[in-house]
C-alpha atoms as a PDB file:
ATOM      1  CA  MET A   1     169.743 102.695 185.728  1.00  0.00           C
ATOM      2  CA  LYS A   2     169.459 103.235 189.488  1.00  0.00           C
ATOM      3  CA  PRO A   3     166.234 101.800 190.961  1.00  0.00           C
ATOM      4  CA  LEU A   4     163.759 104.342 192.286  1.00  0.00           C
ATOM      5  CA  THR A   5     164.005 104.867 196.060  1.00  0.00           C
ATOM      6  CA  SER A   6     161.533 107.751 196.461  1.00  0.00           C
ATOM      7  CA  TYR A   7     158.175 108.459 194.829  1.00  0.00           C
ATOM      8  CA  THR A   8     155.529 111.126 195.422  1.00  0.00           C
ATOM      9  CA  CYS A   9     151.992 111.520 194.099  1.00  0.00           C
ATOM     10  CA  LYS A  10     148.554 112.839 195.041  1.00  0.00           C
ATOM     11  CA  LEU A  11     145.726 110.515 196.046  1.00  0.00           C
ATOM     12  CA  SER A  12     141.988 111.116 196.087  1.00  0.00           C
ATOM     13  CA  GLU A  13     139.951 110.224 199.195  1.00  0.00           C
ATOM     14  CA  GLY A  14     138.851 106.985 197.577  1.00  0.00           C
ATOM     15  CA  GLN A  15     142.369 106.037 196.517  1.00  0.00           C
ATOM     16  CA  ALA A  16     143.720 106.775 199.996  1.00  0.00           C
ATOM     17  CA  ALA A  17     141.079 104.588 201.642  1.00  0.00           C
ATOM     18  CA  GLU A  18     141.776 101.797 199.149  1.00  0.00           C
ATOM     19  CA  LEU A  19     145.528 102.005 199.773  1.00  0.00           C
ATOM     20  CA  GLU A  20     145.105 101.977 203.556  1.00  0.00           C
ATOM     21  CA  GLY A  21     142.939  98.885 203.299  1.00  0.00           C
ATOM     22  CA  TRP A  22     145.467  97.161 201.023  1.00  0.00           C
ATOM     23  CA  LEU A  23     148.313  97.920 203.449  1.00  0.00           C
ATOM     24  CA  ARG A  24     146.352  96.520 206.404  1.00  0.00           C
ATOM     25  CA  ASP A  25     145.402  93.408 204.430  1.00  0.00           C
ATOM     26  CA  HIS A  26     149.068  92.843 203.605  1.00  0.00           C
ATOM     27  CA  HIS A  27     150.253  93.247 207.213  1.00  0.00           C
ATOM     28  CA  PHE A  28     152.096  96.558 206.939  1.00  0.00           C
ATOM     29  CA  LYS A  29     153.038  98.020 210.320  1.00  0.00           C
ATOM     30  CA  PHE A  30     151.292 101.349 210.976  1.00  0.00           C
ATOM     31  CA  ARG A  31     152.809 104.216 212.976  1.00  0.00           C
ATOM     32  CA  GLN A  32     152.099 107.851 213.906  1.00  0.00           C
ATOM     33  CA  VAL A  33     153.663 110.638 211.816  1.00  0.00           C
ATOM     34  CA  PRO A  34     152.962 114.389 212.285  1.00  0.00           C
ATOM     35  CA  TYR A  35     150.519 115.829 209.721  1.00  0.00           C
ATOM     36  CA  ALA A  36     149.890 112.368 208.278  1.00  0.00           C
ATOM     37  CA  ARG A  37     146.563 110.584 207.863  1.00  0.00           C
ATOM     38  CA  PHE A  38     148.428 107.282 208.019  1.00  0.00           C
ATOM     39  CA  ALA A  39     151.961 105.901 207.743  1.00  0.00           C
ATOM     40  CA  ALA A  40     153.013 102.304 207.288  1.00  0.00           C
ATOM     41  CA  GLU A  41     156.121 100.251 206.614  1.00  0.00           C
ATOM     42  CA  LYS A  42     157.153  96.734 205.742  1.00  0.00           C
ATOM     43  CA  GLU A  43     160.580  95.366 204.897  1.00  0.00           C
ATOM     44  CA  LYS A  44     162.135  97.801 202.366  1.00  0.00           C
ATOM     45  CA  THR A  45     159.100 100.054 201.814  1.00  0.00           C
ATOM     46  CA  ASN A  46     157.965 103.054 203.871  1.00  0.00           C
ATOM     47  CA  LEU A  47     154.762 105.002 203.058  1.00  0.00           C
ATOM     48  CA  VAL A  48     153.337 108.230 204.477  1.00  0.00           C
ATOM     49  CA  PHE A  49     150.012 109.695 203.352  1.00  0.00           C
ATOM     50  CA  TYR A  50     149.757 113.333 204.478  1.00  0.00           C
ATOM     51  CA  GLU A  51     146.660 115.362 205.326  1.00  0.00           C
ATOM     52  CA  SER A  52     147.408 117.462 202.228  1.00  0.00           C
ATOM     53  CA  GLY A  53     146.632 114.430 200.043  1.00  0.00           C
ATOM     54  CA  LYS A  54     150.274 113.742 199.186  1.00  0.00           C
ATOM     55  CA  LEU A  55     151.624 110.202 199.303  1.00  0.00           C
ATOM     56  CA  VAL A  56     155.369 109.648 199.776  1.00  0.00           C
ATOM     57  CA  VAL A  57     156.872 106.190 199.186  1.00  0.00           C
ATOM     58  CA  GLN A  58     160.507 105.626 200.182  1.00  0.00           C
ATOM     59  CA  GLY A  59     162.994 102.799 200.566  1.00  0.00           C
ATOM     60  CA  LYS A  60     164.655 100.135 198.428  1.00  0.00           C
ATOM     61  CA  GLY A  61     161.277  98.558 197.679  1.00  0.00           C
ATOM     62  CA  THR A  62     159.813 101.785 196.218  1.00  0.00           C
ATOM     63  CA  GLN A  63     160.082 100.906 192.524  1.00  0.00           C
ATOM     64  CA  GLU A  64     158.611  97.446 192.953  1.00  0.00           C
ATOM     65  CA  PHE A  65     155.765  98.782 195.127  1.00  0.00           C
ATOM     66  CA  VAL A  66     154.884 101.558 192.647  1.00  0.00           C
ATOM     67  CA  GLU A  67     155.019  99.292 189.590  1.00  0.00           C
ATOM     68  CA  PHE A  68     153.209  96.270 191.018  1.00  0.00           C
ATOM     69  CA  VAL A  69     150.873  97.706 193.679  1.00  0.00           C
ATOM     70  CA  LEU A  70     150.336 101.464 193.581  1.00  0.00           C
ATOM     71  CA  GLU A  71     149.901 101.928 189.819  1.00  0.00           C
ATOM     72  CA  PRO A  72     147.834  98.836 188.926  1.00  0.00           C
ATOM     73  CA  GLU A  73     145.853  98.490 192.194  1.00  0.00           C
ATOM     74  CA  ILE A  74     145.319 102.078 193.399  1.00  0.00           C
ATOM     75  CA  LEU A  75     146.066 104.654 190.694  1.00  0.00           C
ATOM     76  CA  LYS A  76     144.779 102.394 187.894  1.00  0.00           C
ATOM     77  CA  GLU A  77     147.334 103.915 185.502  1.00  0.00           C
ATOM     78  CA  ALA A  78     151.020 103.622 184.665  1.00  0.00           C
ATOM     79  CA  ARG A  79     152.872 106.794 185.588  1.00  0.00           C
ATOM     80  CA  LEU A  80     156.398 105.698 186.443  1.00  0.00           C
ATOM     81  CA  GLY A  81     158.714 106.697 183.615  1.00  0.00           C
ATOM     82  CA  TYR A  82     155.981 108.834 182.016  1.00  0.00           C
ATOM     83  CA  GLU A  83     156.213 111.851 184.343  1.00  0.00           C
ATOM     84  CA  ALA A  84     157.186 114.237 181.543  1.00  0.00           C
ATOM     85  CA  MET A  85     154.235 113.123 179.409  1.00  0.00           C
ATOM     86  CA  LEU A  86     151.793 113.445 182.301  1.00  0.00           C
ATOM     87  CA  ASN A  87     153.160 116.835 183.412  1.00  0.00           C
ATOM     88  CA  PRO A  88     155.146 118.569 180.626  1.00  0.00           C
ATOM     89  CA  ASP A  89     155.938 121.511 182.950  1.00  0.00           C
ATOM     90  CA  LEU A  90     158.433 119.250 184.748  1.00  0.00           C
ATOM     91  CA  VAL A  91     160.865 119.401 181.834  1.00  0.00           C
ATOM     92  CA  LEU A  92     160.219 122.924 180.544  1.00  0.00           C
ATOM     93  CA  PRO A  93     163.361 125.081 180.242  1.00  0.00           C
ATOM     94  CA  ARG A  94     162.999 127.582 183.070  1.00  0.00           C
ATOM     95  CA  LEU A  95     164.672 129.725 185.696  1.00  0.00           C
ATOM     96  CA  GLY A  96     164.198 129.219 189.433  1.00  0.00           C
ATOM     97  CA  VAL A  97     164.962 131.916 192.026  1.00  0.00           C
ATOM     98  CA  ASP A  98     165.143 131.669 195.813  1.00  0.00           C
ATOM     99  CA  GLU A  99     166.861 133.276 198.794  1.00  0.00           C
ATOM    100  CA  SER A 100     168.507 132.394 202.090  1.00  0.00           C
ATOM    101  CA  GLY A 101     169.222 134.493 205.165  1.00  0.00           C
ATOM    102  CA  LYS A 102     166.022 136.547 205.195  1.00  0.00           C
ATOM    103  CA  GLY A 103     165.031 135.344 208.664  1.00  0.00           C
ATOM    104  CA  ASP A 104     168.572 135.190 210.071  1.00  0.00           C
ATOM    105  CA  PHE A 105     169.775 138.058 212.270  1.00  0.00           C
ATOM    106  CA  PHE A 106     173.429 137.264 211.625  1.00  0.00           C
ATOM    107  CA  GLY A 107     174.861 136.912 208.140  1.00  0.00           C
ATOM    108  CA  PRO A 108     174.009 138.198 204.676  1.00  0.00           C
ATOM    109  CA  LEU A 109     170.969 137.889 202.449  1.00  0.00           C
ATOM    110  CA  CYS A 110     171.769 135.634 199.488  1.00  0.00           C
ATOM    111  CA  ILE A 111     169.587 135.253 196.394  1.00  0.00           C
ATOM    112  CA  ALA A 112     170.373 132.596 193.804  1.00  0.00           C
ATOM    113  CA  GLY A 113     169.032 131.452 190.463  1.00  0.00           C
ATOM    114  CA  ALA A 114     169.292 128.309 188.357  1.00  0.00           C
ATOM    115  CA  TYR A 115     168.357 127.460 184.772  1.00  0.00           C
ATOM    116  CA  VAL A 116     167.205 123.887 184.123  1.00  0.00           C
ATOM    117  CA  ASN A 117     166.123 122.038 180.997  1.00  0.00           C
ATOM    118  CA  GLU A 118     164.986 118.468 180.288  1.00  0.00           C
ATOM    119  CA  ALA A 119     168.525 117.051 180.373  1.00  0.00           C
ATOM    120  CA  VAL A 120     169.234 118.720 183.732  1.00  0.00           C
ATOM    121  CA  VAL A 121     165.945 117.474 185.204  1.00  0.00           C
ATOM    122  CA  LYS A 122     166.781 113.910 184.135  1.00  0.00           C
ATOM    123  CA  ALA A 123     170.330 114.195 185.515  1.00  0.00           C
ATOM    124  CA  TRP A 124     168.919 115.171 188.910  1.00  0.00           C
ATOM    125  CA  LYS A 125     166.241 112.483 189.010  1.00  0.00           C
ATOM    126  CA  ASP A 126     167.644 110.657 192.063  1.00  0.00           C
ATOM    127  CA  ALA A 127     170.085 113.296 193.327  1.00  0.00           C
ATOM    128  CA  GLY A 128     167.931 114.411 196.266  1.00  0.00           C
ATOM    129  CA  ILE A 129     167.662 118.050 195.183  1.00  0.00           C
ATOM    130  CA  ARG A 130     164.830 119.609 197.193  1.00  0.00           C
ATOM    131  CA  ASP A 131     163.990 122.722 199.196  1.00  0.00           C
ATOM    132  CA  SER A 132     167.067 123.582 201.282  1.00  0.00           C
ATOM    133  CA  LYS A 133     164.842 124.036 204.363  1.00  0.00           C
ATOM    134  CA  ASN A 134     164.354 120.260 204.294  1.00  0.00           C
ATOM    135  CA  ILE A 135     168.119 119.590 204.351  1.00  0.00           C
ATOM    136  CA  SER A 136     169.552 119.970 207.862  1.00  0.00           C
ATOM    137  CA  SER A 137     173.189 119.180 207.050  1.00  0.00           C
ATOM    138  CA  ASP A 138     175.450 122.005 205.824  1.00  0.00           C
ATOM    139  CA  LYS A 139     177.759 119.311 204.429  1.00  0.00           C
ATOM    140  CA  ARG A 140     174.930 117.926 202.295  1.00  0.00           C
ATOM    141  CA  ILE A 141     174.024 121.452 201.135  1.00  0.00           C
ATOM    142  CA  LYS A 142     177.639 121.902 199.974  1.00  0.00           C
ATOM    143  CA  GLU A 143     177.638 118.559 198.119  1.00  0.00           C
ATOM    144  CA  LEU A 144     174.387 119.361 196.314  1.00  0.00           C
ATOM    145  CA  ALA A 145     175.519 122.915 195.468  1.00  0.00           C
ATOM    146  CA  GLU A 146     178.644 121.467 193.832  1.00  0.00           C
ATOM    147  CA  LEU A 147     176.545 118.916 191.932  1.00  0.00           C
ATOM    148  CA  ILE A 148     174.189 121.639 190.677  1.00  0.00           C
ATOM    149  CA  ARG A 149     177.049 123.824 189.431  1.00  0.00           C
ATOM    150  CA  LYS A 150     178.783 120.916 187.695  1.00  0.00           C
ATOM    151  CA  THR A 151     175.670 119.589 185.912  1.00  0.00           C
ATOM    152  CA  PRO A 152     176.050 120.075 182.130  1.00  0.00           C
ATOM    153  CA  GLY A 153     173.432 122.488 180.791  1.00  0.00           C
ATOM    154  CA  CYS A 154     172.647 124.063 184.177  1.00  0.00           C
ATOM    155  CA  VAL A 155     173.383 127.794 184.426  1.00  0.00           C
ATOM    156  CA  THR A 156     173.562 129.455 187.850  1.00  0.00           C
ATOM    157  CA  THR A 157     174.138 132.805 189.520  1.00  0.00           C
ATOM    158  CA  VAL A 158     174.239 134.072 193.103  1.00  0.00           C
ATOM    159  CA  VAL A 159     173.716 137.633 194.370  1.00  0.00           C
ATOM    160  CA  PRO A 160     174.970 137.975 197.958  1.00  0.00           C
ATOM    161  CA  ILE A 161     174.094 141.141 199.887  1.00  0.00           C
ATOM    162  CA  GLY A 162     176.634 141.485 202.696  1.00  0.00           C
ATOM    163  CA  ASN A 163     175.520 142.921 206.023  1.00  0.00           C
ATOM    164  CA  GLU A 164     176.855 146.440 205.583  1.00  0.00           C
ATOM    165  CA  ALA A 165     175.314 146.682 202.091  1.00  0.00           C
ATOM    166  CA  TYR A 166     172.111 145.108 203.438  1.00  0.00           C
ATOM    167  CA  ASN A 167     171.806 147.727 206.178  1.00  0.00           C
ATOM    168  CA  ARG A 168     172.431 150.573 203.690  1.00  0.00           C
ATOM    169  CA  LEU A 169     169.829 149.191 201.279  1.00  0.00           C
ATOM    170  CA  TYR A 170     167.298 148.673 204.060  1.00  0.00           C
ATOM    171  CA  ALA A 171     167.742 152.283 205.218  1.00  0.00           C
ATOM    172  CA  LYS A 172     167.195 153.426 201.630  1.00  0.00           C
ATOM    173  CA  MET A 173     164.320 151.073 200.696  1.00  0.00           C
ATOM    174  CA  GLY A 174     162.637 150.823 204.095  1.00  0.00           C
ATOM    175  CA  SER A 175     161.427 147.257 203.548  1.00  0.00           C
ATOM    176  CA  ALA A 176     162.985 143.784 203.487  1.00  0.00           C
ATOM    177  CA  ASN A 177     160.482 142.713 200.813  1.00  0.00           C
ATOM    178  CA  THR A 178     161.450 145.632 198.547  1.00  0.00           C
ATOM    179  CA  MET A 179     165.097 144.647 198.897  1.00  0.00           C
ATOM    180  CA  LEU A 180     164.255 140.995 198.278  1.00  0.00           C
ATOM    181  CA  ALA A 181     162.293 141.958 195.149  1.00  0.00           C
ATOM    182  CA  TRP A 182     165.334 143.881 193.891  1.00  0.00           C
ATOM    183  CA  GLY A 183     167.519 140.836 194.615  1.00  0.00           C
ATOM    184  CA  HIS A 184     165.192 138.472 192.742  1.00  0.00           C
ATOM    185  CA  ALA A 185     165.037 140.880 189.805  1.00  0.00           C
ATOM    186  CA  ARG A 186     168.853 141.174 189.818  1.00  0.00           C
ATOM    187  CA  VAL A 187     169.248 137.381 189.715  1.00  0.00           C
ATOM    188  CA  ILE A 188     166.768 137.057 186.825  1.00  0.00           C
ATOM    189  CA  GLU A 189     168.605 139.844 184.963  1.00  0.00           C
ATOM    190  CA  ASN A 190     171.967 138.132 185.528  1.00  0.00           C
ATOM    191  CA  LEU A 191     170.626 134.796 184.283  1.00  0.00           C
ATOM    192  CA  MET A 192     169.010 136.356 181.230  1.00  0.00           C
ATOM    193  CA  GLY A 193     172.402 137.897 180.479  1.00  0.00           C
ATOM    194  CA  LEU A 194     173.689 134.306 180.228  1.00  0.00           C
ATOM    195  CA  LYS A 195     170.856 133.239 177.919  1.00  0.00           C
ATOM    196  CA  HIS A 196     173.377 132.337 175.203  1.00  0.00           C
ATOM    197  CA  GLN A 197     174.499 129.453 177.468  1.00  0.00           C
ATOM    198  CA  MET A 198     170.950 128.081 177.744  1.00  0.00           C
ATOM    199  CA  ASN A 199     169.578 125.552 175.281  1.00  0.00           C
ATOM    200  CA  PRO A 200     166.689 125.858 174.740  1.00  0.00           C
ATOM    201  CA  ALA A 201     165.924 129.375 175.962  1.00  0.00           C
ATOM    202  CA  PRO A 202     163.920 129.590 179.209  1.00  0.00           C
ATOM    203  CA  VAL A 203     160.172 130.117 178.871  1.00  0.00           C
ATOM    204  CA  ARG A 204     159.552 131.440 182.389  1.00  0.00           C
ATOM    205  CA  ALA A 205     161.110 132.414 185.698  1.00  0.00           C
ATOM    206  CA  ILE A 206     159.627 130.963 188.891  1.00  0.00           C
ATOM    207  CA  SER A 207     159.965 132.383 192.396  1.00  0.00           C
ATOM    208  CA  ASP A 208     158.233 132.124 195.738  1.00  0.00           C
ATOM    209  CA  GLN A 209     155.520 134.722 196.326  1.00  0.00           C
ATOM    210  CA  PHE A 210     157.036 136.263 199.452  1.00  0.00           C
ATOM    211  CA  ALA A 211     155.232 139.609 199.126  1.00  0.00           C
ATOM    212  CA  HIS A 212     151.474 140.118 199.432  1.00  0.00           C
ATOM    213  CA  HIS A 213     151.318 141.763 196.008  1.00  0.00           C
ATOM    214  CA  GLU A 214     152.831 140.038 192.978  1.00  0.00           C
ATOM    215  CA  GLU A 215     153.688 143.459 191.524  1.00  0.00           C
ATOM    216  CA  THR A 216     156.450 143.850 194.158  1.00  0.00           C
ATOM    217  CA  VAL A 217     158.825 141.672 192.118  1.00  0.00           C
ATOM    218  CA  ALA A 218     157.286 142.375 188.697  1.00  0.00           C
ATOM    219  CA  GLN A 219     157.881 146.109 189.097  1.00  0.00           C
ATOM    220  CA  ALA A 220     161.501 145.509 190.133  1.00  0.00           C
ATOM    221  CA  LEU A 221     162.339 143.568 186.962  1.00  0.00           C
ATOM    222  CA  MET A 222     165.067 145.072 184.817  1.00  0.00           C
ATOM    223  CA  THR A 223     165.469 145.291 181.035  1.00  0.00           C
ATOM    224  CA  LEU A 224     166.185 141.626 180.205  1.00  0.00           C
ATOM    225  CA  GLY A 225     163.956 140.310 182.994  1.00  0.00           C
ATOM    226  CA  ARG A 226     160.909 141.941 181.431  1.00  0.00           C
ATOM    227  CA  GLY A 227     161.356 139.667 178.416  1.00  0.00           C
ATOM    228  CA  ILE A 228     160.400 136.477 180.265  1.00  0.00           C
ATOM    229  CA  GLU A 229     157.190 135.356 181.973  1.00  0.00           C
ATOM    230  CA  LEU A 230     157.412 135.677 185.768  1.00  0.00           C
ATOM    231  CA  VAL A 231     155.499 133.102 187.810  1.00  0.00           C
ATOM    232  CA  GLN A 232     155.205 133.711 191.555  1.00  0.00           C
ATOM    233  CA  LYS A 233     153.563 131.091 193.719  1.00  0.00           C
ATOM    234  CA  HIS A 234     153.492 129.827 197.289  1.00  0.00           C
ATOM    235  CA  ARG A 235     155.650 126.748 197.954  1.00  0.00           C
ATOM    236  CA  ALA A 236     157.585 127.470 194.751  1.00  0.00           C
ATOM    237  CA  GLU A 237     160.430 125.346 196.190  1.00  0.00           C
ATOM    238  CA  GLU A 238     158.462 122.285 195.071  1.00  0.00           C
ATOM    239  CA  ASP A 239     159.690 123.163 191.562  1.00  0.00           C
ATOM    240  CA  LEU A 240     163.102 121.607 190.891  1.00  0.00           C
ATOM    241  CA  ALA A 241     164.600 124.835 189.496  1.00  0.00           C
ATOM    242  CA  VAL A 242     163.596 126.805 192.599  1.00  0.00           C
ATOM    243  CA  ALA A 243     164.785 123.990 194.889  1.00  0.00           C
ATOM    244  CA  ALA A 244     168.204 124.127 193.186  1.00  0.00           C
ATOM    245  CA  ALA A 245     168.292 127.913 193.636  1.00  0.00           C
ATOM    246  CA  SER A 246     167.422 127.498 197.335  1.00  0.00           C
ATOM    247  CA  ILE A 247     170.384 125.131 197.793  1.00  0.00           C
ATOM    248  CA  LEU A 248     172.789 127.519 196.041  1.00  0.00           C
ATOM    249  CA  ALA A 249     171.528 130.454 198.133  1.00  0.00           C
ATOM    250  CA  ARG A 250     171.807 128.464 201.377  1.00  0.00           C
ATOM    251  CA  HIS A 251     175.346 127.321 200.559  1.00  0.00           C
ATOM    252  CA  GLU A 252     176.389 130.917 199.896  1.00  0.00           C
ATOM    253  CA  PHE A 253     174.780 132.052 203.153  1.00  0.00           C
ATOM    254  CA  VAL A 254     176.394 129.310 205.256  1.00  0.00           C
ATOM    255  CA  THR A 255     179.809 129.926 203.659  1.00  0.00           C
ATOM    256  CA  ARG A 256     179.689 133.673 204.286  1.00  0.00           C
ATOM    257  CA  LEU A 257     178.383 133.252 207.835  1.00  0.00           C
ATOM    258  CA  GLY A 258     181.323 130.928 208.507  1.00  0.00           C
ATOM    259  CA  SER A 259     183.740 133.555 207.185  1.00  0.00           C
ATOM    260  CA  LEU A 260     182.252 136.152 209.542  1.00  0.00           C
ATOM    261  CA  GLU A 261     182.665 133.757 212.474  1.00  0.00           C
ATOM    262  CA  LYS A 262     186.360 133.319 211.619  1.00  0.00           C
ATOM    263  CA  GLN A 263     186.882 137.043 211.083  1.00  0.00           C
ATOM    264  CA  PHE A 264     185.437 138.007 214.463  1.00  0.00           C
ATOM    265  CA  ALA A 265     186.335 134.774 216.317  1.00  0.00           C
ATOM    266  CA  ILE A 266     182.813 134.260 217.649  1.00  0.00           C
ATOM    267  CA  LYS A 267     179.946 131.833 217.048  1.00  0.00           C
ATOM    268  CA  LEU A 268     177.068 133.443 215.124  1.00  0.00           C
ATOM    269  CA  PRO A 269     173.969 131.207 215.392  1.00  0.00           C
ATOM    270  CA  LYS A 270     171.501 130.939 212.519  1.00  0.00           C
ATOM    271  CA  GLY A 271     167.925 132.171 212.733  1.00  0.00           C
ATOM    272  CA  ALA A 272     166.450 134.464 215.392  1.00  0.00           C
ATOM    273  CA  SER A 273     166.185 133.025 218.912  1.00  0.00           C
ATOM    274  CA  ALA A 274     167.282 133.372 222.526  1.00  0.00           C
ATOM    275  CA  ALA A 275     170.650 131.894 221.506  1.00  0.00           C
ATOM    276  CA  VAL A 276     170.959 134.588 218.826  1.00  0.00           C
ATOM    277  CA  ASP A 277     170.093 137.306 221.395  1.00  0.00           C
ATOM    278  CA  ALA A 278     172.822 135.993 223.685  1.00  0.00           C
ATOM    279  CA  ALA A 279     175.356 135.870 220.834  1.00  0.00           C
ATOM    280  CA  ALA A 280     174.509 139.465 219.852  1.00  0.00           C
ATOM    281  CA  LYS A 281     175.196 140.676 223.399  1.00  0.00           C
ATOM    282  CA  GLU A 282     178.428 138.685 223.488  1.00  0.00           C
ATOM    283  CA  PHE A 283     179.486 140.162 220.144  1.00  0.00           C
ATOM    284  CA  ILE A 284     178.940 143.727 221.410  1.00  0.00           C
ATOM    285  CA  ALA A 285     180.846 142.965 224.617  1.00  0.00           C
ATOM    286  CA  LYS A 286     183.834 141.699 222.603  1.00  0.00           C
ATOM    287  CA  GLN A 287     183.730 143.782 219.415  1.00  0.00           C
ATOM    288  CA  GLY A 288     181.691 146.866 220.331  1.00  0.00           C
ATOM    289  CA  ALA A 289     178.292 148.013 219.058  1.00  0.00           C
ATOM    290  CA  ASP A 290     179.925 149.861 216.138  1.00  0.00           C
ATOM    291  CA  ASN A 291     180.914 146.535 214.571  1.00  0.00           C
ATOM    292  CA  LEU A 292     177.465 144.906 214.880  1.00  0.00           C
ATOM    293  CA  PRO A 293     176.283 146.197 211.446  1.00  0.00           C
ATOM    294  CA  LYS A 294     179.160 144.248 209.866  1.00  0.00           C
ATOM    295  CA  VAL A 295     177.621 140.927 210.891  1.00  0.00           C
ATOM    296  CA  ALA A 296     173.924 141.591 211.565  1.00  0.00           C
ATOM    297  CA  LYS A 297     170.690 142.920 210.074  1.00  0.00           C
ATOM    298  CA  MET A 298     170.130 146.028 212.145  1.00  0.00           C
ATOM    299  CA  HIS A 299     166.358 146.387 211.626  1.00  0.00           C
ATOM    300  CA  PHE A 300     165.757 143.182 213.624  1.00  0.00           C
ATOM    301  CA  ARG A 301     164.549 143.815 217.185  1.00  0.00           C
ATOM    302  CA  THR A 302     167.505 141.684 218.324  1.00  0.00           C
ATOM    303  CA  ALA A 303     169.811 144.608 217.487  1.00  0.00           C
ATOM    304  CA  LEU A 304     167.910 146.910 219.855  1.00  0.00           C
ATOM    305  CA  ARG A 305     167.796 144.347 222.672  1.00  0.00           C
ATOM    306  CA  ALA A 306     171.521 143.593 222.327  1.00  0.00           C
ATOM    307  CA  GLN A 307     172.334 147.284 222.715  1.00  0.00           C
ATOM    308  CA  GLY A 308     169.929 147.777 225.620  1.00  0.00           C
ATOM    309  CA  LEU A 309     167.730 150.090 223.551  1.00  0.00           C
ATOM    310  CA  PRO A 310     163.914 150.239 223.878  1.00  0.00           C
ATOM    311  CA  GLU A 311     161.893 148.289 221.319  1.00  0.00           C
ATOM    312  CA  PRO A 312     159.051 150.012 219.491  1.00  0.00           C
ATOM    313  CA  PRO A 313     155.576 148.570 220.118  1.00  0.00           C
ATOM    314  CA  LYS A 314     154.669 145.665 217.881  1.00  0.00           C
ATOM    315  CA  VAL A 315     152.195 146.493 215.116  1.00  0.00           C
ATOM    316  CA  GLU A 316     149.494 143.920 214.531  1.00  0.00           C
ATOM    317  CA  TRP A 317     149.780 142.612 210.970  1.00  0.00           C
ATOM    318  CA  ARG A 318     146.590 142.571 208.958  1.00  0.00           C
ATOM    319  CA  ARG A 319     146.159 141.170 205.510  1.00  0.00           C
ATOM    320  CA  GLY A 320     145.135 143.812 202.979  1.00  0.00           C
ATOM    321  CA  LYS A 321     141.709 143.470 201.438  1.00  0.00           C
END
């Protein structure tokens, strides 16, 4: 079995203080890390304790440090190897749903879903599957997407909404969140249609709470989707099933964006930035404004700026009571 090279847990204030003292007593080298209370390293072990209370241990010395220092000296309990017993939700059969492309002016909106069970969770233990936003390499995204699809027992689906379809749907629905809710509901429906491939059957579907009201997605659920519990929460990508879905969605987005670049022979940057504004103007100069809806989300202000059209005044967003 591969030795553990990454470990994460929560520490109380007392445990954090005790760990910091232990590290100083044992001559660990401390350094500054953004959003961290302290970070230290020595030989093959690197530790970061974040302001959120999360401790991350990484490196070849992780397993030895957890087994012989962290558990007996700080946590005062043995957790390694007992994760499923301590948190049964980790191995529950479930669906994860996530999207990619929502904040990108160029390229489609892609929503993906993945079913995982205990065997899948164990197979991915050291695979590095995590929120796609924390993976900067498109090559690594592709490798992980292939791994996810090839894992026995994992069931996946992707719903891509190309730019022309996106712009039609936006004009009809009038809201990106309404469209996203439809996409999430469509993915859940597609996965539930493959329920016969899932063993055991999923007990819930988990997605990020992107809309202010949870009912936005719940009301969009279709026939089969209404037969499963829907859990929406912030930072849902921390769940392995949602993280897998985020990787599948990102891979689909990157692949389709690349195809658009080849089709129109122009670089289409990700995100929304000054570089994206410049690329939009270049696209119009080369391909004409009539072709912009084929590669871009036309409700973005970038579309107006690129065409030299006036932008409407910005409306101050206020959270509903």
